[in-house]
């Protein structure tokens, strides 16, 4: 099952392709969805956060089946699955296509569910560790939203 540890990197790559290449236009859609954060949402931010996401996803594969690698996989996939749900909520709110929603719902969510079931059933991870990883990973979207709201109010860009 070594492929499973590299799957987040592949999933993130597909997701970023959908958001920024084809069909692309995620930044424009995001500002339409969340106009109150427009001052905070910069090209620089997008580049930095997505490079960090690619590095983090690479680290999941590099750590592999170690205890830390499995916990990291669970946390990263919880974050990605939450992002898929966030995209879907945006589609519902805006009644428009969100670049990233397809990979979010068709890649991130099923992969996260598969991995959580696999690691728990194979007893490679405890329920406690899985729950902590889920809470930490899924909370990213909340922290990101808070960050952008505060930054948009306090930053003159």
Foldseek 3Di string as FASTA:
>chain_A
DLVLQLLQLVLLVVLVCLCCPVVHPQVVLVCVLPVLLNQVDDPVVVVVVSVVLNVLSVVLSVVTLDLVSLLSSLLQLLLLLLVLVVQVVSCVVVVDHRRRNCSSVVPSNVSNVVSVCVCVVVVSDDPVSNVVSNVNNNCVVVVVVVVSNVCSVPDDD
